[in-house]
Amino acid sequence: MDVETADSTQITMGKLAGSYFERYVLVTTIVPLLFVLITIGKVVLFPSGFIRNTMSSVGYVWPVFEAQYWEVGRVAGIQSADNYLAFVSVMLITYIVFVIYAATAVFKGYFAVAPLRISDLGAIVLCLIGGVYAAFLDAPKSDPRPFYNFYVDSFGFFYVRQWILLLAGGLAPYLMVFFLAKLSGQVLARTK
């Protein structure tokens, strides 16, 4: 079935992914705000060095993270760097859980998803560009201007920036789950 013959009971991949992504944004909005409050209140979540063993794991999916971690430690102290690692870990874990949740809904066939469109692929490509920037090019800079430079401030507002960047960069693999689910469904439908 092509795009022209898709009926009104089907949902486009973009709308389906968007509805799940909106839920993810709503659930995780509190995370950066919580970490801003932790930074302002100078709360230490973990003893120094407690969670640094996970730093190499985070580095596999986010290569510039280690440079950001040490920059936070240099500017705000090693406890703040450990809190930053906790923030990134929380965001990555919630992201993985949400992708699994959304993927199971799609693969179990809870929705009649319309055939793939060029715009679906275009959204993935645009998000991949953001993901590449977030993972590989967002190294710490000494000048906070423009906004896209990673900069550690004393209030912890960099958590909000990193949350936005994680949302944008993380949307590409999220959309890929829906894209691959629909693509596999179209291939299976043709083989029957």
C-alpha atoms as a PDB file:
ATOM      1  CA  MET A   1       0.000   0.000   0.000  1.00  0.00           C
ATOM      2  CA  ASP A   2       1.407   3.394  -0.886  1.00  0.00           C
ATOM      3  CA  VAL A   3       0.803   6.791   0.686  1.00  0.00           C
ATOM      4  CA  GLU A   4      -2.120   7.653  -1.578  1.00  0.00           C
ATOM      5  CA  THR A   5      -4.103   4.580  -0.507  1.00  0.00           C
ATOM      6  CA  ALA A   6      -3.482   4.889   3.240  1.00  0.00           C
ATOM      7  CA  ASP A   7      -6.852   5.044   4.976  1.00  0.00           C
ATOM      8  CA  SER A   8      -7.925   7.410   7.736  1.00  0.00           C
ATOM      9  CA  THR A   9      -7.611   4.769  10.496  1.00  0.00           C
ATOM     10  CA  GLN A  10      -3.851   4.650  10.056  1.00  0.00           C
ATOM     11  CA  ILE A  11      -1.458   6.903  11.934  1.00  0.00           C
ATOM     12  CA  THR A  12       1.688   8.286  10.332  1.00  0.00           C
ATOM     13  CA  MET A  13       5.017   7.246  11.766  1.00  0.00           C
ATOM     14  CA  GLY A  14       5.795  10.857  12.652  1.00  0.00           C
ATOM     15  CA  LYS A  15       2.583  11.303  14.631  1.00  0.00           C
ATOM     16  CA  LEU A  16       3.026   7.986  16.419  1.00  0.00           C
ATOM     17  CA  ALA A  17       6.652   8.683  17.342  1.00  0.00           C
ATOM     18  CA  GLY A  18       5.687  12.230  18.274  1.00  0.00           C
ATOM     19  CA  SER A  19       3.007  11.091  20.714  1.00  0.00           C
ATOM     20  CA  TYR A  20       5.468   8.831  22.519  1.00  0.00           C
ATOM     21  CA  PHE A  21       8.169  11.493  22.431  1.00  0.00           C
ATOM     22  CA  GLU A  22       5.791  14.058  23.958  1.00  0.00           C
ATOM     23  CA  ARG A  23       5.231  11.662  26.861  1.00  0.00           C
ATOM     24  CA  TYR A  24       8.988  11.284  27.258  1.00  0.00           C
ATOM     25  CA  VAL A  25       9.467  15.064  27.342  1.00  0.00           C
ATOM     26  CA  LEU A  26       6.722  15.434  29.946  1.00  0.00           C
ATOM     27  CA  VAL A  27       8.190  12.675  32.127  1.00  0.00           C
ATOM     28  CA  THR A  28      11.776  13.957  31.956  1.00  0.00           C
ATOM     29  CA  THR A  29      11.128  17.717  32.207  1.00  0.00           C
ATOM     30  CA  ILE A  30      11.630  17.515  35.961  1.00  0.00           C
ATOM     31  CA  VAL A  31      15.113  15.966  35.659  1.00  0.00           C
ATOM     32  CA  PRO A  32      17.143  19.059  34.613  1.00  0.00           C
ATOM     33  CA  LEU A  33      15.153  21.263  36.979  1.00  0.00           C
ATOM     34  CA  LEU A  34      15.881  18.874  39.834  1.00  0.00           C
ATOM     35  CA  PHE A  35      19.600  18.945  39.041  1.00  0.00           C
ATOM     36  CA  VAL A  36      19.590  22.763  38.843  1.00  0.00           C
ATOM     37  CA  LEU A  37      18.133  22.787  42.365  1.00  0.00           C
ATOM     38  CA  ILE A  38      20.718  20.224  43.491  1.00  0.00           C
ATOM     39  CA  THR A  39      23.486  22.465  42.125  1.00  0.00           C
ATOM     40  CA  ILE A  40      22.106  25.644  43.696  1.00  0.00           C
ATOM     41  CA  GLY A  41      21.669  23.849  47.033  1.00  0.00           C
ATOM     42  CA  LYS A  42      25.171  22.344  46.745  1.00  0.00           C
ATOM     43  CA  VAL A  43      23.752  18.874  47.436  1.00  0.00           C
ATOM     44  CA  VAL A  44      26.081  15.939  46.846  1.00  0.00           C
ATOM     45  CA  LEU A  45      24.178  12.940  45.523  1.00  0.00           C
ATOM     46  CA  PHE A  46      27.017  10.439  45.757  1.00  0.00           C
ATOM     47  CA  PRO A  47      30.334  10.278  47.554  1.00  0.00           C
ATOM     48  CA  SER A  48      33.202  11.453  45.375  1.00  0.00           C
ATOM     49  CA  GLY A  49      34.209   8.780  42.923  1.00  0.00           C
ATOM     50  CA  PHE A  50      31.228   6.519  43.674  1.00  0.00           C
ATOM     51  CA  ILE A  51      29.806   6.511  40.156  1.00  0.00           C
ATOM     52  CA  ARG A  52      32.880   7.337  38.101  1.00  0.00           C
ATOM     53  CA  ASN A  53      33.156   3.705  37.015  1.00  0.00           C
ATOM     54  CA  THR A  54      30.154   4.317  34.774  1.00  0.00           C
ATOM     55  CA  MET A  55      31.952   7.161  33.007  1.00  0.00           C
ATOM     56  CA  SER A  56      33.538   4.846  30.448  1.00  0.00           C
ATOM     57  CA  SER A  57      30.139   3.293  29.695  1.00  0.00           C
ATOM     58  CA  VAL A  58      28.619   6.698  29.009  1.00  0.00           C
ATOM     59  CA  GLY A  59      31.637   7.512  26.845  1.00  0.00           C
ATOM     60  CA  TYR A  60      30.687   4.740  24.416  1.00  0.00           C
ATOM     61  CA  VAL A  61      27.458   6.474  23.439  1.00  0.00           C
ATOM     62  CA  TRP A  62      28.614  10.043  24.088  1.00  0.00           C
ATOM     63  CA  PRO A  63      32.346  10.432  23.311  1.00  0.00           C
ATOM     64  CA  VAL A  64      32.634  14.099  24.395  1.00  0.00           C
ATOM     65  CA  PHE A  65      31.074  13.323  27.773  1.00  0.00           C
ATOM     66  CA  GLU A  66      34.403  12.707  29.504  1.00  0.00           C
ATOM     67  CA  ALA A  67      35.675  16.189  28.525  1.00  0.00           C
ATOM     68  CA  GLN A  68      32.407  17.682  29.781  1.00  0.00           C
ATOM     69  CA  TYR A  69      32.671  15.723  33.031  1.00  0.00           C
ATOM     70  CA  TRP A  70      36.179  17.032  33.739  1.00  0.00           C
ATOM     71  CA  GLU A  71      35.131  20.586  32.808  1.00  0.00           C
ATOM     72  CA  VAL A  72      32.266  20.445  35.312  1.00  0.00           C
ATOM     73  CA  GLY A  73      34.741  19.093  37.875  1.00  0.00           C
ATOM     74  CA  ARG A  74      37.249  21.867  37.128  1.00  0.00           C
ATOM     75  CA  VAL A  75      34.715  24.678  37.347  1.00  0.00           C
ATOM     76  CA  ALA A  76      32.270  23.457  39.994  1.00  0.00           C
ATOM     77  CA  GLY A  77      34.103  20.707  41.870  1.00  0.00           C
ATOM     78  CA  ILE A  78      34.313  16.940  41.565  1.00  0.00           C
ATOM     79  CA  GLN A  79      31.025  16.415  43.455  1.00  0.00           C
ATOM     80  CA  SER A  80      29.255  18.502  40.816  1.00  0.00           C
ATOM     81  CA  ALA A  81      30.934  16.415  38.122  1.00  0.00           C
ATOM     82  CA  ASP A  82      29.617  13.279  39.825  1.00  0.00           C
ATOM     83  CA  ASN A  83      26.158  14.863  39.919  1.00  0.00           C
ATOM     84  CA  TYR A  84      26.504  15.629  36.193  1.00  0.00           C
ATOM     85  CA  LEU A  85      27.332  11.974  35.569  1.00  0.00           C
ATOM     86  CA  ALA A  86      24.235  11.006  37.566  1.00  0.00           C
ATOM     87  CA  PHE A  87      22.137  13.383  35.446  1.00  0.00           C
ATOM     88  CA  VAL A  88      23.436  11.939  32.182  1.00  0.00           C
ATOM     89  CA  SER A  89      22.939   8.394  33.468  1.00  0.00           C
ATOM     90  CA  VAL A  90      19.341   9.126  34.503  1.00  0.00           C
ATOM     91  CA  MET A  91      18.593  10.669  31.119  1.00  0.00           C
ATOM     92  CA  LEU A  92      20.128   7.772  29.182  1.00  0.00           C
ATOM     93  CA  ILE A  93      18.354   5.145  31.271  1.00  0.00           C
ATOM     94  CA  THR A  94      14.950   6.836  30.977  1.00  0.00           C
ATOM     95  CA  TYR A  95      15.547   7.217  27.255  1.00  0.00           C
ATOM     96  CA  ILE A  96      16.304   3.509  26.810  1.00  0.00           C
ATOM     97  CA  VAL A  97      13.221   2.539  28.835  1.00  0.00           C
ATOM     98  CA  PHE A  98      11.025   4.813  26.745  1.00  0.00           C
ATOM     99  CA  VAL A  99      12.394   3.493  23.442  1.00  0.00           C
ATOM    100  CA  ILE A 100      11.710  -0.076  24.575  1.00  0.00           C
ATOM    101  CA  TYR A 101       8.203   0.908  25.691  1.00  0.00           C
ATOM    102  CA  ALA A 102       7.416   2.581  22.367  1.00  0.00           C
ATOM    103  CA  ALA A 103       9.013  -0.186  20.293  1.00  0.00           C
ATOM    104  CA  THR A 104       6.983  -2.915  21.977  1.00  0.00           C
ATOM    105  CA  ALA A 105       3.773  -1.019  21.207  1.00  0.00           C
ATOM    106  CA  VAL A 106       4.735  -0.749  17.548  1.00  0.00           C
ATOM    107  CA  PHE A 107       6.028  -4.299  17.149  1.00  0.00           C
ATOM    108  CA  LYS A 108       2.963  -5.765  18.876  1.00  0.00           C
ATOM    109  CA  GLY A 109       0.845  -3.965  16.315  1.00  0.00           C
ATOM    110  CA  TYR A 110      -1.214  -1.771  18.630  1.00  0.00           C
ATOM    111  CA  PHE A 111      -1.406   0.801  15.852  1.00  0.00           C
ATOM    112  CA  ALA A 112      -2.077   0.666  12.130  1.00  0.00           C
ATOM    113  CA  VAL A 113       0.876   2.727  10.946  1.00  0.00           C
ATOM    114  CA  ALA A 114       0.596   4.359   7.530  1.00  0.00           C
ATOM    115  CA  PRO A 115       3.260   3.591   4.919  1.00  0.00           C
ATOM    116  CA  LEU A 116       6.584   5.363   5.226  1.00  0.00           C
ATOM    117  CA  ARG A 117       6.982   8.787   3.706  1.00  0.00           C
ATOM    118  CA  ILE A 118      10.021  10.766   2.614  1.00  0.00           C
ATOM    119  CA  SER A 119       9.365  13.247   5.443  1.00  0.00           C
ATOM    120  CA  ASP A 120       9.786  10.405   7.963  1.00  0.00           C
ATOM    121  CA  LEU A 121      13.249   9.710   6.619  1.00  0.00           C
ATOM    122  CA  GLY A 122      14.017  13.438   6.485  1.00  0.00           C
ATOM    123  CA  ALA A 123      13.196  13.812  10.186  1.00  0.00           C
ATOM    124  CA  ILE A 124      15.613  10.997  10.999  1.00  0.00           C
ATOM    125  CA  VAL A 125      18.396  12.624   8.967  1.00  0.00           C
ATOM    126  CA  LEU A 126      17.886  16.010  10.661  1.00  0.00           C
ATOM    127  CA  CYS A 127      17.909  14.423  14.110  1.00  0.00           C
ATOM    128  CA  LEU A 128      21.037  12.436  13.229  1.00  0.00           C
ATOM    129  CA  ILE A 129      22.819  15.722  12.544  1.00  0.00           C
ATOM    130  CA  GLY A 130      21.846  16.912  16.033  1.00  0.00           C
ATOM    131  CA  GLY A 131      22.913  13.583  17.502  1.00  0.00           C
ATOM    132  CA  VAL A 132      26.333  13.751  15.856  1.00  0.00           C
ATOM    133  CA  TYR A 133      26.831  17.267  17.217  1.00  0.00           C
ATOM    134  CA  ALA A 134      25.770  16.260  20.738  1.00  0.00           C
ATOM    135  CA  ALA A 135      27.870  13.108  20.834  1.00  0.00           C
ATOM    136  CA  PHE A 136      31.047  14.174  19.045  1.00  0.00           C
ATOM    137  CA  LEU A 137      31.339  17.959  18.673  1.00  0.00           C
ATOM    138  CA  ASP A 138      29.940  19.438  21.905  1.00  0.00           C
ATOM    139  CA  ALA A 139      33.286  19.766  23.650  1.00  0.00           C
ATOM    140  CA  PRO A 140      33.664  22.330  26.467  1.00  0.00           C
ATOM    141  CA  LYS A 141      34.459  25.884  25.412  1.00  0.00           C
ATOM    142  CA  SER A 142      35.627  28.809  27.518  1.00  0.00           C
ATOM    143  CA  ASP A 143      33.114  31.214  25.985  1.00  0.00           C
ATOM    144  CA  PRO A 144      29.414  30.512  26.544  1.00  0.00           C
ATOM    145  CA  ARG A 145      28.385  32.390  23.442  1.00  0.00           C
ATOM    146  CA  PRO A 146      26.814  31.231  21.250  1.00  0.00           C
ATOM    147  CA  PHE A 147      24.348  28.956  23.027  1.00  0.00           C
ATOM    148  CA  TYR A 148      25.629  25.821  21.325  1.00  0.00           C
ATOM    149  CA  ASN A 149      28.934  25.918  23.248  1.00  0.00           C
ATOM    150  CA  PHE A 150      29.058  23.662  26.318  1.00  0.00           C
ATOM    151  CA  TYR A 151      29.618  25.969  29.250  1.00  0.00           C
ATOM    152  CA  VAL A 152      29.450  25.236  32.971  1.00  0.00           C
ATOM    153  CA  ASP A 153      27.713  27.926  35.026  1.00  0.00           C
ATOM    154  CA  SER A 154      27.578  28.149  38.805  1.00  0.00           C
ATOM    155  CA  PHE A 155      23.780  27.773  38.927  1.00  0.00           C
ATOM    156  CA  GLY A 156      23.596  24.536  36.961  1.00  0.00           C
ATOM    157  CA  PHE A 157      21.610  25.893  34.025  1.00  0.00           C
ATOM    158  CA  PHE A 158      23.827  23.794  31.773  1.00  0.00           C
ATOM    159  CA  TYR A 159      21.598  20.865  32.819  1.00  0.00           C
ATOM    160  CA  VAL A 160      18.676  22.425  30.943  1.00  0.00           C
ATOM    161  CA  ARG A 161      20.844  22.925  27.858  1.00  0.00           C
ATOM    162  CA  GLN A 162      22.091  19.333  28.029  1.00  0.00           C
ATOM    163  CA  TRP A 163      18.528  18.050  28.478  1.00  0.00           C
ATOM    164  CA  ILE A 164      17.456  19.886  25.317  1.00  0.00           C
ATOM    165  CA  LEU A 165      20.491  18.552  23.463  1.00  0.00           C
ATOM    166  CA  LEU A 166      19.818  14.997  24.655  1.00  0.00           C
ATOM    167  CA  LEU A 167      16.228  15.289  23.480  1.00  0.00           C
ATOM    168  CA  ALA A 168      17.275  16.515  20.050  1.00  0.00           C
ATOM    169  CA  GLY A 169      20.162  14.086  19.632  1.00  0.00           C
ATOM    170  CA  GLY A 170      18.247  11.179  21.068  1.00  0.00           C
ATOM    171  CA  LEU A 171      15.287  11.618  18.769  1.00  0.00           C
ATOM    172  CA  ALA A 172      17.131  10.078  15.784  1.00  0.00           C
ATOM    173  CA  PRO A 173      17.570   6.563  17.228  1.00  0.00           C
ATOM    174  CA  TYR A 174      14.070   6.847  18.660  1.00  0.00           C
ATOM    175  CA  LEU A 175      12.640   7.568  15.200  1.00  0.00           C
ATOM    176  CA  MET A 176      14.781   4.758  13.787  1.00  0.00           C
ATOM    177  CA  VAL A 177      12.912   2.271  15.989  1.00  0.00           C
ATOM    178  CA  PHE A 178       9.624   3.328  14.423  1.00  0.00           C
ATOM    179  CA  PHE A 179      11.142   3.455  10.954  1.00  0.00           C
ATOM    180  CA  LEU A 180      12.587  -0.072  11.243  1.00  0.00           C
ATOM    181  CA  ALA A 181       9.373  -1.427  12.762  1.00  0.00           C
ATOM    182  CA  LYS A 182       7.323  -0.062   9.906  1.00  0.00           C
ATOM    183  CA  LEU A 183       9.857  -1.122   7.289  1.00  0.00           C
ATOM    184  CA  SER A 184       9.922  -4.678   8.646  1.00  0.00           C
ATOM    185  CA  GLY A 185       6.107  -4.697   8.671  1.00  0.00           C
ATOM    186  CA  GLN A 186       6.019  -3.629   5.026  1.00  0.00           C
ATOM    187  CA  VAL A 187       8.562  -6.315   4.076  1.00  0.00           C
ATOM    188  CA  LEU A 188       6.599  -9.000   5.942  1.00  0.00           C
ATOM    189  CA  ALA A 189       3.359  -7.874   4.295  1.00  0.00           C
ATOM    190  CA  ARG A 190       4.914  -8.251   0.842  1.00  0.00           C
ATOM    191  CA  THR A 191       6.138 -11.790   1.580  1.00  0.00           C
ATOM    192  CA  LYS A 192       2.663 -13.057   2.535  1.00  0.00           C
END
